[in-house]
Amino acid sequence: MRANFGFAERTRINHRPGHILLAEDSLEIAKLFSLALTQAGHQVSVAYDGKLAMELLTKQCVNLAILDVNLPEADGFEVCRFLKGQDDLRHVPVIFCTGRQHPDDQIRARKLGASAFLNKPLTMTELITAVDLVLQESRTVGLRSSSSP
């Protein structure tokens, strides 16, 4: 039996699917997040370490990156720094999603350019809502930028 989170059935305002890079070292969490995001209509590429995440970012056109802080090879902060340092990738919004409870992590993520910071555990509704809002904001900013002289 396949899990169904109900996202495919519900109508979301301004929902447009995107291609999401999910960098998560926990196989179980990656499967759960990927299933929920896919059922919400998104295409998902999964990287289980930071090095692979950076490689995929250079090879695939993504609309959003969801990064765990604790990744092997390169942590989520390093992946975000890499992404925001690339001229052709800096527009890609980042959501950090972590179980770490370090008070400075959220400040550090924002300083690196993250659009949102989620703490695990979280519901799939919280994840999908954050993704939808960040993608919507990213597209709105993109429309404003493309229409300015």
C-alpha atoms as a PDB file:
ATOM      1  CA  MET A   1       0.000   0.000   0.000  1.00  0.00           C
ATOM      2  CA  ARG A   2       1.341   3.415  -0.959  1.00  0.00           C
ATOM      3  CA  ALA A   3       1.274   6.293   1.536  1.00  0.00           C
ATOM      4  CA  ASN A   4      -0.909   9.181   0.482  1.00  0.00           C
ATOM      5  CA  PHE A   5      -0.479  12.507   2.217  1.00  0.00           C
ATOM      6  CA  GLY A   6      -3.469  14.061   0.438  1.00  0.00           C
ATOM      7  CA  PHE A   7      -1.498  16.751  -1.385  1.00  0.00           C
ATOM      8  CA  ALA A   8      -2.450  15.588  -4.866  1.00  0.00           C
ATOM      9  CA  GLU A   9      -6.144  15.855  -4.038  1.00  0.00           C
ATOM     10  CA  ARG A  10      -6.155  19.265  -2.433  1.00  0.00           C
ATOM     11  CA  THR A  11      -6.117  22.463  -4.435  1.00  0.00           C
ATOM     12  CA  ARG A  12      -3.352  24.885  -3.517  1.00  0.00           C
ATOM     13  CA  ILE A  13      -3.416  28.526  -4.520  1.00  0.00           C
ATOM     14  CA  ASN A  14      -0.740  29.464  -7.053  1.00  0.00           C
ATOM     15  CA  HIS A  15       0.797  25.994  -6.905  1.00  0.00           C
ATOM     16  CA  ARG A  16       3.203  25.344  -9.728  1.00  0.00           C
ATOM     17  CA  PRO A  17       5.416  22.290  -9.462  1.00  0.00           C
ATOM     18  CA  GLY A  18       9.153  22.692  -9.385  1.00  0.00           C
ATOM     19  CA  HIS A  19      12.323  20.622  -9.543  1.00  0.00           C
ATOM     20  CA  ILE A  20      13.705  20.294  -6.025  1.00  0.00           C
ATOM     21  CA  LEU A  21      17.126  19.155  -4.870  1.00  0.00           C
ATOM     22  CA  LEU A  22      16.752  17.406  -1.513  1.00  0.00           C
ATOM     23  CA  ALA A  23      20.060  17.002   0.348  1.00  0.00           C
ATOM     24  CA  GLU A  24      19.357  14.666   3.267  1.00  0.00           C
ATOM     25  CA  ASP A  25      21.659  11.991   4.724  1.00  0.00           C
ATOM     26  CA  SER A  26      18.894   9.976   6.392  1.00  0.00           C
ATOM     27  CA  LEU A  27      17.485   7.464   3.913  1.00  0.00           C
ATOM     28  CA  GLU A  28      14.174   7.246   5.808  1.00  0.00           C
ATOM     29  CA  ILE A  29      13.645  11.015   5.940  1.00  0.00           C
ATOM     30  CA  ALA A  30      14.724  11.418   2.304  1.00  0.00           C
ATOM     31  CA  LYS A  31      12.158   8.802   1.224  1.00  0.00           C
ATOM     32  CA  LEU A  32       9.390  10.403   3.283  1.00  0.00           C
ATOM     33  CA  PHE A  33      10.129  13.964   2.078  1.00  0.00           C
ATOM     34  CA  SER A  34      10.594  12.814  -1.510  1.00  0.00           C
ATOM     35  CA  LEU A  35       7.276  10.946  -1.500  1.00  0.00           C
ATOM     36  CA  ALA A  36       5.401  13.940  -0.052  1.00  0.00           C
ATOM     37  CA  LEU A  37       7.019  16.368  -2.516  1.00  0.00           C
ATOM     38  CA  THR A  38       6.363  14.055  -5.467  1.00  0.00           C
ATOM     39  CA  GLN A  39       2.726  13.613  -4.455  1.00  0.00           C
ATOM     40  CA  ALA A  40       2.505  17.415  -4.310  1.00  0.00           C
ATOM     41  CA  GLY A  41       3.555  17.463  -7.968  1.00  0.00           C
ATOM     42  CA  HIS A  42       7.239  18.286  -7.661  1.00  0.00           C
ATOM     43  CA  GLN A  43      10.169  16.529  -9.301  1.00  0.00           C
ATOM     44  CA  VAL A  44      12.767  15.562  -6.676  1.00  0.00           C
ATOM     45  CA  SER A  45      16.462  14.746  -6.969  1.00  0.00           C
ATOM     46  CA  VAL A  46      18.047  13.371  -3.794  1.00  0.00           C
ATOM     47  CA  ALA A  47      21.649  13.753  -2.648  1.00  0.00           C
ATOM     48  CA  TYR A  48      22.752  11.885   0.464  1.00  0.00           C
ATOM     49  CA  ASP A  49      25.855  14.013   1.008  1.00  0.00           C
ATOM     50  CA  GLY A  50      26.972  17.590   0.416  1.00  0.00           C
ATOM     51  CA  LYS A  51      29.497  16.776  -2.269  1.00  0.00           C
ATOM     52  CA  LEU A  52      26.848  15.048  -4.409  1.00  0.00           C
ATOM     53  CA  ALA A  53      24.432  17.930  -3.752  1.00  0.00           C
ATOM     54  CA  MET A  54      26.950  20.432  -5.164  1.00  0.00           C
ATOM     55  CA  GLU A  55      27.565  18.177  -8.156  1.00  0.00           C
ATOM     56  CA  LEU A  56      23.836  17.830  -8.885  1.00  0.00           C
ATOM     57  CA  LEU A  57      23.354  21.595  -8.570  1.00  0.00           C
ATOM     58  CA  THR A  58      25.840  22.140 -11.388  1.00  0.00           C
ATOM     59  CA  LYS A  59      24.302  19.462 -13.619  1.00  0.00           C
ATOM     60  CA  GLN A  60      20.557  19.912 -13.093  1.00  0.00           C
ATOM     61  CA  CYS A  61      18.258  22.889 -13.346  1.00  0.00           C
ATOM     62  CA  VAL A  62      16.523  23.124  -9.971  1.00  0.00           C
ATOM     63  CA  ASN A  63      13.968  25.606  -8.651  1.00  0.00           C
ATOM     64  CA  LEU A  64      14.680  24.980  -4.958  1.00  0.00           C
ATOM     65  CA  ALA A  65      17.220  23.295  -2.686  1.00  0.00           C
ATOM     66  CA  ILE A  66      16.215  21.730   0.626  1.00  0.00           C
ATOM     67  CA  LEU A  67      19.336  21.192   2.723  1.00  0.00           C
ATOM     68  CA  ASP A  68      19.953  19.326   5.947  1.00  0.00           C
ATOM     69  CA  VAL A  69      22.668  20.967   8.048  1.00  0.00           C
ATOM     70  CA  ASN A  70      24.383  17.705   8.992  1.00  0.00           C
ATOM     71  CA  LEU A  71      25.548  16.183   5.721  1.00  0.00           C
ATOM     72  CA  PRO A  72      28.635  14.062   5.171  1.00  0.00           C
ATOM     73  CA  GLU A  73      31.391  15.316   2.825  1.00  0.00           C
ATOM     74  CA  ALA A  74      30.173  18.955   3.023  1.00  0.00           C
ATOM     75  CA  ASP A  75      27.555  20.282   5.428  1.00  0.00           C
ATOM     76  CA  GLY A  76      24.433  22.156   4.372  1.00  0.00           C
ATOM     77  CA  PHE A  77      26.042  25.528   5.096  1.00  0.00           C
ATOM     78  CA  GLU A  78      28.880  24.721   2.716  1.00  0.00           C
ATOM     79  CA  VAL A  79      26.408  23.618   0.027  1.00  0.00           C
ATOM     80  CA  CYS A  80      24.429  26.847   0.470  1.00  0.00           C
ATOM     81  CA  ARG A  81      27.630  28.930   0.310  1.00  0.00           C
ATOM     82  CA  PHE A  82      28.581  27.108  -2.903  1.00  0.00           C
ATOM     83  CA  LEU A  83      25.141  27.625  -4.457  1.00  0.00           C
ATOM     84  CA  LYS A  84      24.928  31.328  -3.577  1.00  0.00           C
ATOM     85  CA  GLY A  85      28.486  31.831  -4.857  1.00  0.00           C
ATOM     86  CA  GLN A  86      27.650  30.662  -8.390  1.00  0.00           C
ATOM     87  CA  ASP A  87      26.349  33.351 -10.776  1.00  0.00           C
ATOM     88  CA  ASP A  88      24.026  30.910 -12.529  1.00  0.00           C
ATOM     89  CA  LEU A  89      22.703  29.365  -9.272  1.00  0.00           C
ATOM     90  CA  ARG A  90      22.471  32.198  -6.746  1.00  0.00           C
ATOM     91  CA  HIS A  91      18.802  32.780  -7.648  1.00  0.00           C
ATOM     92  CA  VAL A  92      17.878  29.264  -6.436  1.00  0.00           C
ATOM     93  CA  PRO A  93      16.122  29.572  -3.061  1.00  0.00           C
ATOM     94  CA  VAL A  94      17.225  27.410  -0.137  1.00  0.00           C
ATOM     95  CA  ILE A  95      15.228  25.883   2.692  1.00  0.00           C
ATOM     96  CA  PHE A  96      17.235  24.442   5.567  1.00  0.00           C
ATOM     97  CA  CYS A  97      15.559  21.527   7.326  1.00  0.00           C
ATOM     98  CA  THR A  98      17.414  20.132  10.309  1.00  0.00           C
ATOM     99  CA  GLY A  99      17.080  18.347  13.605  1.00  0.00           C
ATOM    100  CA  ARG A 100      19.975  20.323  15.094  1.00  0.00           C
ATOM    101  CA  GLN A 101      19.031  22.582  17.956  1.00  0.00           C
ATOM    102  CA  HIS A 102      21.904  25.061  17.764  1.00  0.00           C
ATOM    103  CA  PRO A 103      20.591  28.607  18.273  1.00  0.00           C
ATOM    104  CA  ASP A 104      23.008  30.163  15.778  1.00  0.00           C
ATOM    105  CA  ASP A 105      22.120  27.806  12.902  1.00  0.00           C
ATOM    106  CA  GLN A 106      19.071  29.798  11.805  1.00  0.00           C
ATOM    107  CA  ILE A 107      20.992  33.089  11.879  1.00  0.00           C
ATOM    108  CA  ARG A 108      23.876  31.521   9.953  1.00  0.00           C
ATOM    109  CA  ALA A 109      21.479  30.085   7.360  1.00  0.00           C
ATOM    110  CA  ARG A 110      19.780  33.451   6.831  1.00  0.00           C
ATOM    111  CA  LYS A 111      23.134  35.218   6.484  1.00  0.00           C
ATOM    112  CA  LEU A 112      24.045  32.721   3.753  1.00  0.00           C
ATOM    113  CA  GLY A 113      20.833  33.583   1.889  1.00  0.00           C
ATOM    114  CA  ALA A 114      18.397  30.865   2.977  1.00  0.00           C
ATOM    115  CA  SER A 115      14.725  31.648   2.386  1.00  0.00           C
ATOM    116  CA  ALA A 116      13.415  29.467   5.222  1.00  0.00           C
ATOM    117  CA  PHE A 117      14.584  27.351   8.141  1.00  0.00           C
ATOM    118  CA  LEU A 118      12.544  24.362   9.338  1.00  0.00           C
ATOM    119  CA  ASN A 119      13.179  22.261  12.434  1.00  0.00           C
ATOM    120  CA  LYS A 120      12.666  18.500  12.456  1.00  0.00           C
ATOM    121  CA  PRO A 121      10.472  16.839  13.336  1.00  0.00           C
ATOM    122  CA  LEU A 122       7.883  18.495  11.135  1.00  0.00           C
ATOM    123  CA  THR A 123       4.711  17.453   9.391  1.00  0.00           C
ATOM    124  CA  MET A 124       4.586  16.948   5.659  1.00  0.00           C
ATOM    125  CA  THR A 125       1.992  19.727   5.523  1.00  0.00           C
ATOM    126  CA  GLU A 126       4.559  22.094   7.065  1.00  0.00           C
ATOM    127  CA  LEU A 127       7.151  20.985   4.507  1.00  0.00           C
ATOM    128  CA  ILE A 128       4.840  21.356   1.491  1.00  0.00           C
ATOM    129  CA  THR A 129       3.533  24.714   2.715  1.00  0.00           C
ATOM    130  CA  ALA A 130       7.077  26.067   3.138  1.00  0.00           C
ATOM    131  CA  VAL A 131       8.067  24.763  -0.309  1.00  0.00           C
ATOM    132  CA  ASP A 132       4.999  26.308  -1.958  1.00  0.00           C
ATOM    133  CA  LEU A 133       5.555  29.670  -0.255  1.00  0.00           C
ATOM    134  CA  VAL A 134       9.256  29.838  -1.091  1.00  0.00           C
ATOM    135  CA  LEU A 135       8.675  28.818  -4.715  1.00  0.00           C
ATOM    136  CA  GLN A 136       5.846  31.341  -5.046  1.00  0.00           C
ATOM    137  CA  GLU A 137       8.013  34.126  -3.597  1.00  0.00           C
ATOM    138  CA  SER A 138      10.926  33.129  -5.830  1.00  0.00           C
ATOM    139  CA  ARG A 139       8.743  33.268  -8.928  1.00  0.00           C
ATOM    140  CA  THR A 140       7.244  36.623  -7.880  1.00  0.00           C
ATOM    141  CA  VAL A 141      10.712  38.110  -7.386  1.00  0.00           C
ATOM    142  CA  GLY A 142      11.773  36.628 -10.739  1.00  0.00           C
ATOM    143  CA  LEU A 143       8.808  38.254 -12.483  1.00  0.00           C
ATOM    144  CA  ARG A 144       9.614  41.631 -10.905  1.00  0.00           C
ATOM    145  CA  SER A 145      13.274  41.334 -11.912  1.00  0.00           C
ATOM    146  CA  SER A 146      12.497  40.385 -15.513  1.00  0.00           C
ATOM    147  CA  SER A 147      10.040  43.270 -15.941  1.00  0.00           C
ATOM    148  CA  SER A 148      12.397  45.966 -14.618  1.00  0.00           C
ATOM    149  CA  PRO A 149      14.460  47.959 -17.170  1.00  0.00           C
END
